[in-house]
Amino acid sequence: MTSPSPRDIILDGQVPPPSPQREKSWVAISRQDQQTNKMSLTPGMHRMEFTDREGRLIPVHYYISGDFEVKPEDDTEGEGGDDSEDEGEIGGDSSDDSAAETAGDEEETDMEFEKECLEHEDLMISQSVLFVCHGVLRNAETYCRNWIPIAERFNLMIVCPEFTQEDFPETKYNYGAVSKGKGMKTWAFTSIEYIFDTFVLAGMKKDGYSLFGHSAGAQFAHRFCLFSARASRCLQIVSANAGWYTLPFTEGHAHNWPYSLQNAPVKFTPAQLELIFSRKLLVLLGQEDVGLKYLRVEPGAQDQGSNRFERGVYFFMQARKLAADLGLKFNWSLRTVANVGHANKHMAFIAASHLFSVSKAHAPPVKLVTITDADEDE
């Protein structure tokens, strides 16, 4: 299957007319970045420095498993991303509800967990690319290293962009950097597509990728689903344990953006909602993620529930009801995990089993987790 052309990869609106000049310009920029960074596609841990269209530096930490096939013979080379723009304003409360993360979400993978990742023989060899969205500590390298045993088990390429506090301060990262008077080329969501293009231009022949986010990364991930509905190369999205959500209501809701799409930076049409609900989004929730530390308490968030678990269930149920009311196909799914709280590394393996296992019915068991304040990081 051939990857879609740049003008087919639209994140937030109608397909623009072809623009060969734009396409040529982006390819030239990507190749220049590639040469400057001396990108490696060999197995192991790597780092490159990606510069977006606004001149912002996005360090990219990535890990390629030992058996990951960068250039399989039966794949074709993809092309660049879209450069169209939509103007809009961002509203709502911009207070930072993600003030801190603690070691409960960031500790290195222990040997017991690594053994758990490797012992299940019913899981397929995936050969997939997975973007992993970091939390508010912006420690993408730690996230990438925590995924190494999972990457080896499923033959994955893990890509962890680092949206720094300097260029994406406070909740600007959570919102995907949508901002007043700026087009979509400035969005962090768009950078995901461009980073994937950079790997393709370096010689990686893969047609698509999946995306996972936990906590603040889950806020980024579920909004990526909403604002990037036409990013067709993103095959699956997992949003795990977000602190609160942007509900997919475009009108008639009690709260405006960022708690809904009402008065959002981009106007959403019924056709776009149809695309949004057709995406494969998994809302993944730890049943013990009920702590209140660092939890947003504004009315728009409180109306979604009193803790992360309640808010995730509310988000999914409201979206499903809206899709039914509009007569739209609904491809989202909800999975709750017993005995797990706000713990990234445990949710990561559950997400991997959902994305890459042969049978979801044979997903590996969840190890027990002791829930403490240290597990609350948003």
Protein backbone atom coordinates (compact mmCIF):
# COMPACT_ATOMS: atom_id res chain seq x y z
CA MET A 1 0.00 0.00 0.00
CA THR A 2 1.34 3.41 -0.96
CA SER A 3 1.40 6.16 1.66
CA PRO A 4 -0.95 9.09 1.01
CA SER A 5 0.50 12.14 -0.69
CA PRO A 6 1.03 15.36 1.29
CA ARG A 7 -2.22 16.92 0.12
CA ASP A 8 -4.13 13.85 1.35
CA ILE A 9 -2.83 14.16 4.91
CA ILE A 10 -5.00 16.93 6.33
CA LEU A 11 -5.27 17.39 10.05
CA ASP A 12 -8.18 19.75 10.45
CA GLY A 13 -10.10 20.68 7.32
CA GLN A 14 -10.89 20.17 3.69
CA VAL A 15 -8.30 18.89 1.24
CA PRO A 16 -6.56 21.87 -0.39
CA PRO A 17 -5.62 21.99 -4.06
CA PRO A 18 -2.30 20.37 -5.01
CA SER A 19 0.77 22.45 -4.25
CA PRO A 20 3.91 20.89 -5.76
CA GLN A 21 6.01 23.84 -4.60
CA ARG A 22 5.01 23.25 -0.97
CA GLU A 23 5.68 19.54 -1.28
CA LYS A 24 9.11 20.11 -2.81
CA SER A 25 9.96 22.66 -0.12
CA TRP A 26 9.13 20.26 2.71
CA VAL A 27 11.12 17.41 1.19
CA ALA A 28 14.14 19.72 0.88
CA ILE A 29 13.83 20.82 4.51
CA SER A 30 13.49 17.24 5.72
CA ARG A 31 16.52 16.07 3.77
CA GLN A 32 18.57 18.94 5.11
CA ASP A 33 17.55 18.03 8.68
CA GLN A 34 18.38 14.42 7.95
CA GLN A 35 21.89 15.26 6.78
CA THR A 36 22.50 17.65 9.66
CA ASN A 37 21.40 15.16 12.28
CA LYS A 38 23.03 12.11 10.65
CA MET A 39 19.95 10.08 11.46
CA SER A 40 20.54 6.43 12.27
CA LEU A 41 18.12 3.63 11.44
CA THR A 42 20.16 0.91 13.11
CA PRO A 43 18.96 -1.02 16.19
CA GLY A 44 19.40 0.72 19.52
CA MET A 45 18.74 4.02 21.25
CA HIS A 46 19.16 7.21 19.22
CA ARG A 47 18.45 10.94 19.30
CA MET A 48 17.92 13.44 16.54
CA GLU A 49 17.02 17.13 16.60
CA PHE A 50 13.97 18.08 14.59
CA THR A 51 13.18 21.72 13.82
CA ASP A 52 9.54 22.50 13.10
CA ARG A 53 8.15 25.18 10.78
CA GLU A 54 8.28 27.78 13.56
CA GLY A 55 11.96 27.14 14.18
CA ARG A 56 11.29 25.32 17.45
CA LEU A 57 13.69 22.57 18.34
CA ILE A 58 12.04 19.23 19.14
CA PRO A 59 14.54 16.61 20.33
CA VAL A 60 13.39 13.17 19.22
CA HIS A 61 14.47 10.14 21.22
CA TYR A 62 13.85 6.86 19.44
CA TYR A 63 14.60 3.20 19.94
CA ILE A 64 14.74 0.56 17.21
CA SER A 65 14.42 -3.03 18.38
CA GLY A 66 16.90 -5.62 17.22
CA ASP A 67 14.46 -7.39 14.88
CA PHE A 68 12.64 -4.32 13.58
CA GLU A 69 12.63 -4.33 9.78
CA VAL A 70 13.32 -0.77 8.68
CA LYS A 71 13.12 -1.61 4.99
CA PRO A 72 10.91 -4.65 4.32
CA GLU A 73 10.82 -5.60 0.66
CA ASP A 74 7.03 -5.51 0.33
CA ASP A 75 6.58 -1.93 1.59
CA THR A 76 6.67 1.23 -0.51
CA GLU A 77 8.16 4.56 0.37
CA GLY A 78 5.85 7.21 1.83
CA GLU A 79 5.83 10.92 1.07
CA GLY A 80 5.60 14.17 2.98
CA GLY A 81 2.91 15.75 5.14
CA ASP A 82 0.44 18.56 4.51
CA ASP A 83 1.18 22.25 4.99
CA SER A 84 -2.32 23.73 4.85
CA GLU A 85 -3.46 26.19 7.50
CA ASP A 86 -6.59 27.10 9.38
CA GLU A 87 -6.85 30.23 11.47
CA GLY A 88 -8.58 30.18 14.83
CA GLU A 89 -8.56 31.28 18.42
CA ILE A 90 -7.98 29.35 21.56
CA GLY A 91 -10.11 30.08 24.58
CA GLY A 92 -10.90 28.74 28.01
CA ASP A 93 -8.85 28.45 31.13
CA SER A 94 -5.12 28.19 30.50
CA SER A 95 -4.12 27.39 34.07
CA ASP A 96 -1.63 24.59 34.46
CA ASP A 97 -3.27 21.57 36.06
CA SER A 98 -0.20 19.48 35.32
CA ALA A 99 2.21 21.23 37.64
CA ALA A 100 4.33 18.25 38.58
CA GLU A 101 5.11 14.61 37.98
CA THR A 102 6.77 12.28 40.44
CA ALA A 103 8.81 9.14 40.34
CA GLY A 104 5.73 6.92 40.30
CA ASP A 105 5.31 7.57 36.58
CA GLU A 106 8.93 7.97 35.59
CA GLU A 107 11.00 5.26 37.26
CA GLU A 108 13.09 2.99 35.10
CA THR A 109 11.60 -0.36 34.12
CA ASP A 110 12.44 -2.99 36.74
CA MET A 111 13.59 -6.52 36.00
CA GLU A 112 10.30 -8.09 37.06
CA PHE A 113 8.37 -5.92 34.64
CA GLU A 114 10.84 -6.67 31.85
CA LYS A 115 10.40 -10.40 32.45
CA GLU A 116 6.62 -9.95 32.32
CA CYS A 117 6.92 -8.26 28.93
CA LEU A 118 8.95 -11.11 27.47
CA GLU A 119 7.15 -14.21 28.74
CA HIS A 120 3.88 -14.10 26.79
CA GLU A 121 4.19 -16.22 23.67
CA ASP A 122 0.73 -15.47 22.24
CA LEU A 123 1.65 -11.95 21.15
CA MET A 124 2.40 -11.23 17.52
CA ILE A 125 5.61 -9.88 16.01
CA SER A 126 4.39 -6.39 15.22
CA GLN A 127 6.98 -4.54 13.13
CA SER A 128 5.19 -1.27 13.94
CA VAL A 129 6.13 2.33 14.62
CA LEU A 130 4.77 3.74 17.88
CA PHE A 131 4.91 7.38 18.95
CA VAL A 132 4.95 7.72 22.74
CA CYS A 133 3.87 11.06 24.24
CA HIS A 134 5.68 12.07 27.43
CA GLY A 135 4.16 13.63 30.53
CA VAL A 136 4.61 17.13 31.92
CA LEU A 137 8.19 16.49 33.06
CA ARG A 138 9.04 16.48 29.33
CA ASN A 139 11.44 13.55 29.95
CA ALA A 140 10.96 11.84 26.61
CA GLU A 141 14.23 9.92 26.89
CA THR A 142 13.05 8.23 30.10
CA TYR A 143 9.76 7.30 28.46
CA CYS A 144 11.63 5.86 25.49
CA ARG A 145 13.92 3.77 27.69
CA ASN A 146 10.96 2.48 29.72
CA TRP A 147 9.47 1.13 26.49
CA ILE A 148 12.60 -0.82 25.47
CA PRO A 149 11.52 -4.26 26.83
CA ILE A 150 8.11 -3.82 25.17
CA ALA A 151 9.77 -2.75 21.93
CA GLU A 152 11.92 -5.87 21.95
CA ARG A 153 8.93 -8.10 22.66
CA PHE A 154 6.87 -6.68 19.78
CA ASN A 155 9.69 -5.66 17.39
CA LEU A 156 8.77 -1.99 17.57
CA MET A 157 10.32 1.31 16.68
CA ILE A 158 9.53 3.69 19.57
CA VAL A 159 9.56 7.42 18.79
CA CYS A 160 9.39 9.95 21.66
CA PRO A 161 9.35 13.61 20.64
CA GLU A 162 10.28 16.02 23.42
CA PHE A 163 8.06 19.11 23.49
CA THR A 164 10.18 21.30 25.74
CA GLN A 165 8.91 23.65 28.42
CA GLU A 166 10.70 26.50 26.67
CA ASP A 167 8.85 26.15 23.36
CA PHE A 168 5.65 24.49 24.59
CA PRO A 169 5.11 25.98 28.06
CA GLU A 170 2.58 24.75 30.60
CA THR A 171 -0.61 23.42 28.99
CA LYS A 172 0.43 24.45 25.48
CA TYR A 173 1.76 20.91 25.12
CA ASN A 174 -1.46 19.33 26.42
CA TYR A 175 -3.45 21.32 23.83
CA GLY A 176 -1.16 20.35 20.97
CA ALA A 177 0.04 23.98 20.71
CA VAL A 178 -3.10 25.23 18.99
CA SER A 179 -3.04 28.97 19.48
CA LYS A 180 -4.68 32.24 18.53
CA GLY A 181 -4.05 33.47 15.01
CA LYS A 182 -1.78 30.56 14.06
CA GLY A 183 -2.24 27.96 11.36
CA MET A 184 -1.98 24.24 11.82
CA LYS A 185 1.67 24.20 10.73
CA THR A 186 2.46 25.54 14.22
CA TRP A 187 0.64 22.75 16.02
CA ALA A 188 2.53 20.04 17.88
CA PHE A 189 0.01 17.62 16.36
CA THR A 190 1.35 18.46 12.91
CA SER A 191 4.91 17.80 14.05
CA ILE A 192 4.03 14.14 14.63
CA GLU A 193 3.29 13.75 10.92
CA TYR A 194 6.41 15.67 9.91
CA ILE A 195 8.66 13.62 12.21
CA PHE A 196 7.24 10.44 10.69
CA ASP A 197 7.98 11.89 7.24
CA THR A 198 11.58 12.53 8.29
CA PHE A 199 12.07 8.85 9.10
CA VAL A 200 10.46 7.88 5.80
CA LEU A 201 12.79 10.20 3.90
CA ALA A 202 15.73 8.62 5.75
CA GLY A 203 14.74 5.25 4.30
CA MET A 204 12.22 3.75 6.72
CA LYS A 205 9.51 2.10 4.61
CA LYS A 206 6.44 1.99 6.81
CA ASP A 207 2.97 3.13 5.83
CA GLY A 208 1.70 4.24 9.23
CA TYR A 209 2.16 4.53 12.97
CA SER A 210 0.28 4.30 16.26
CA LEU A 211 0.31 6.82 19.12
CA PHE A 212 0.23 6.34 22.90
CA GLY A 213 0.04 8.91 25.68
CA HIS A 214 -0.24 8.67 29.46
CA SER A 215 -1.38 11.44 31.84
CA ALA A 216 -0.45 14.77 30.20
CA GLY A 217 0.55 12.68 27.18
CA ALA A 218 -2.97 11.23 27.17
CA GLN A 219 -4.36 14.75 26.94
CA PHE A 220 -2.16 15.30 23.89
CA ALA A 221 -3.20 11.91 22.45
CA HIS A 222 -6.98 12.29 22.70
CA ARG A 223 -6.83 15.84 21.31
CA PHE A 224 -4.65 14.53 18.48
CA CYS A 225 -7.59 12.25 17.69
CA LEU A 226 -9.95 15.25 17.64
CA PHE A 227 -7.80 17.70 15.69
CA SER A 228 -5.97 15.23 13.45
CA ALA A 229 -8.89 13.20 12.15
CA ARG A 230 -7.53 13.28 8.60
CA ALA A 231 -4.02 12.14 9.56
CA SER A 232 -4.78 8.81 7.94
CA ARG A 233 -1.36 7.30 8.58
CA CYS A 234 -2.07 7.29 12.32
CA LEU A 235 -3.63 3.85 12.60
CA GLN A 236 -4.49 3.65 16.31
CA ILE A 237 -4.42 5.97 19.32
CA VAL A 238 -4.33 5.11 23.03
CA SER A 239 -5.15 7.75 25.66
CA ALA A 240 -4.31 6.41 29.13
CA ASN A 241 -5.30 8.12 32.39
CA ALA A 242 -5.80 11.69 31.22
CA GLY A 243 -6.63 14.20 33.96
CA TRP A 244 -9.53 15.71 32.00
CA TYR A 245 -10.83 15.82 28.44
CA THR A 246 -12.03 17.90 25.53
CA LEU A 247 -15.50 16.54 24.82
CA PRO A 248 -16.45 16.30 21.12
CA PHE A 249 -19.46 18.62 21.38
CA THR A 250 -19.42 21.50 18.88
CA GLU A 251 -22.50 23.28 20.26
CA GLY A 252 -25.01 23.21 23.09
CA HIS A 253 -22.47 22.30 25.76
CA ALA A 254 -22.17 23.97 29.15
CA HIS A 255 -18.45 24.61 28.69
CA ASN A 256 -16.46 26.02 25.77
CA TRP A 257 -13.02 25.00 24.55
CA PRO A 258 -10.89 23.46 25.98
CA TYR A 259 -13.54 21.38 27.77
CA SER A 260 -15.43 20.85 24.51
CA LEU A 261 -15.01 21.69 20.82
CA GLN A 262 -17.47 24.53 21.22
CA ASN A 263 -15.65 27.74 20.15
CA ALA A 264 -12.52 25.70 19.49
CA PRO A 265 -9.63 27.09 17.39
CA VAL A 266 -11.04 25.27 14.36
CA LYS A 267 -14.67 24.98 13.32
CA PHE A 268 -15.74 21.34 13.25
CA THR A 269 -18.24 20.19 10.64
CA PRO A 270 -20.46 17.09 10.79
CA ALA A 271 -18.15 15.46 8.25
CA GLN A 272 -15.20 16.03 10.55
CA LEU A 273 -17.05 14.54 13.52
CA GLU A 274 -17.73 11.49 11.38
CA LEU A 275 -13.99 11.15 10.76
CA ILE A 276 -13.22 11.64 14.45
CA PHE A 277 -15.59 8.91 15.58
CA SER A 278 -14.32 6.56 12.87
CA ARG A 279 -10.79 6.68 14.30
CA LYS A 280 -9.49 3.78 16.39
CA LEU A 281 -9.14 5.44 19.79
CA LEU A 282 -8.74 3.42 22.98
CA VAL A 283 -9.54 5.19 26.26
CA LEU A 284 -7.46 3.19 28.73
CA LEU A 285 -8.13 3.71 32.45
CA GLY A 286 -6.67 2.34 35.67
CA GLN A 287 -9.54 1.54 38.00
CA GLU A 288 -7.49 2.73 40.98
CA ASP A 289 -6.58 6.07 39.41
CA VAL A 290 -8.78 7.97 41.85
CA GLY A 291 -6.25 10.22 43.60
CA LEU A 292 -6.79 13.97 43.73
CA LYS A 293 -3.23 15.26 43.79
CA TYR A 294 -2.54 17.70 40.93
CA LEU A 295 -6.04 17.14 39.56
CA ARG A 296 -7.69 20.08 37.77
CA VAL A 297 -10.63 21.42 39.77
CA GLU A 298 -12.15 24.03 37.42
CA PRO A 299 -15.92 23.57 36.81
CA GLY A 300 -15.39 22.31 33.25
CA ALA A 301 -13.22 19.49 34.57
CA GLN A 302 -15.22 18.80 37.73
CA ASP A 303 -18.37 18.27 35.67
CA GLN A 304 -16.58 15.34 34.02
CA GLY A 305 -16.10 13.54 37.32
CA SER A 306 -14.29 13.72 40.63
CA ASN A 307 -11.19 11.76 39.58
CA ARG A 308 -9.35 10.57 36.48
CA PHE A 309 -11.15 7.26 36.29
CA GLU A 310 -14.62 8.84 36.42
CA ARG A 311 -13.64 11.49 33.90
CA GLY A 312 -12.34 8.94 31.41
CA VAL A 313 -15.54 6.90 31.60
CA TYR A 314 -17.61 10.09 31.24
CA PHE A 315 -15.63 11.20 28.18
CA PHE A 316 -16.15 7.87 26.44
CA MET A 317 -19.84 7.56 27.30
CA GLN A 318 -20.63 11.12 26.23
CA ALA A 319 -18.81 10.62 22.93
CA ARG A 320 -20.62 7.35 22.26
CA LYS A 321 -23.99 8.94 22.98
CA LEU A 322 -23.22 11.88 20.72
CA ALA A 323 -22.19 9.58 17.88
CA ALA A 324 -25.41 7.60 18.31
CA ASP A 325 -27.51 10.78 18.34
CA LEU A 326 -25.84 11.90 15.11
CA GLY A 327 -26.19 8.46 13.52
CA LEU A 328 -22.42 8.10 13.12
CA LYS A 329 -20.29 4.98 13.25
CA PHE A 330 -18.35 4.81 16.53
CA ASN A 331 -14.98 3.04 16.50
CA TRP A 332 -13.68 4.15 19.90
CA SER A 333 -13.27 1.64 22.69
CA LEU A 334 -12.94 1.76 26.47
CA ARG A 335 -10.86 -0.56 28.63
CA THR A 336 -10.46 -0.36 32.39
CA VAL A 337 -7.67 -2.16 34.22
CA ALA A 338 -8.17 -3.55 37.73
CA ASN A 339 -5.62 -2.90 40.48
CA VAL A 340 -3.74 -0.26 38.47
CA GLY A 341 -3.56 3.44 39.30
CA HIS A 342 -1.64 6.33 37.73
CA ALA A 343 1.32 4.22 36.60
CA ASN A 344 2.66 4.74 33.10
CA LYS A 345 4.82 1.64 32.73
CA HIS A 346 2.00 -0.75 33.62
CA MET A 347 -0.51 0.97 31.36
CA ALA A 348 2.11 0.89 28.61
CA PHE A 349 2.20 -2.90 28.47
CA ILE A 350 -1.60 -3.11 28.52
CA ALA A 351 -1.68 -0.64 25.63
CA ALA A 352 0.89 -2.67 23.71
CA SER A 353 -1.11 -5.86 24.19
CA HIS A 354 -4.19 -4.05 22.82
CA LEU A 355 -2.36 -2.63 19.84
CA PHE A 356 -0.18 -5.56 18.87
CA SER A 357 -1.50 -8.86 20.30
CA VAL A 358 -2.95 -11.56 18.09
CA SER A 359 -6.08 -11.79 20.21
CA LYS A 360 -7.29 -9.14 22.65
CA ALA A 361 -8.84 -12.01 24.64
CA HIS A 362 -5.34 -13.31 25.36
CA ALA A 363 -3.94 -10.03 26.69
CA PRO A 364 -1.45 -10.69 29.50
CA PRO A 365 -2.56 -10.35 33.12
CA VAL A 366 -2.01 -7.12 35.01
CA LYS A 367 0.38 -7.23 37.94
CA LEU A 368 -0.85 -5.70 41.18
CA VAL A 369 0.21 -2.13 41.86
CA THR A 370 0.30 -0.44 45.23
CA ILE A 371 -1.41 2.91 44.85
CA THR A 372 0.36 5.79 46.58
CA ASP A 373 0.51 9.56 46.20
CA ALA A 374 3.71 9.03 44.24
CA ASP A 375 1.63 7.55 41.43
CA GLU A 376 -0.26 10.82 40.96
CA ASP A 377 1.60 12.99 38.50
CA GLU A 378 -0.80 15.36 36.80
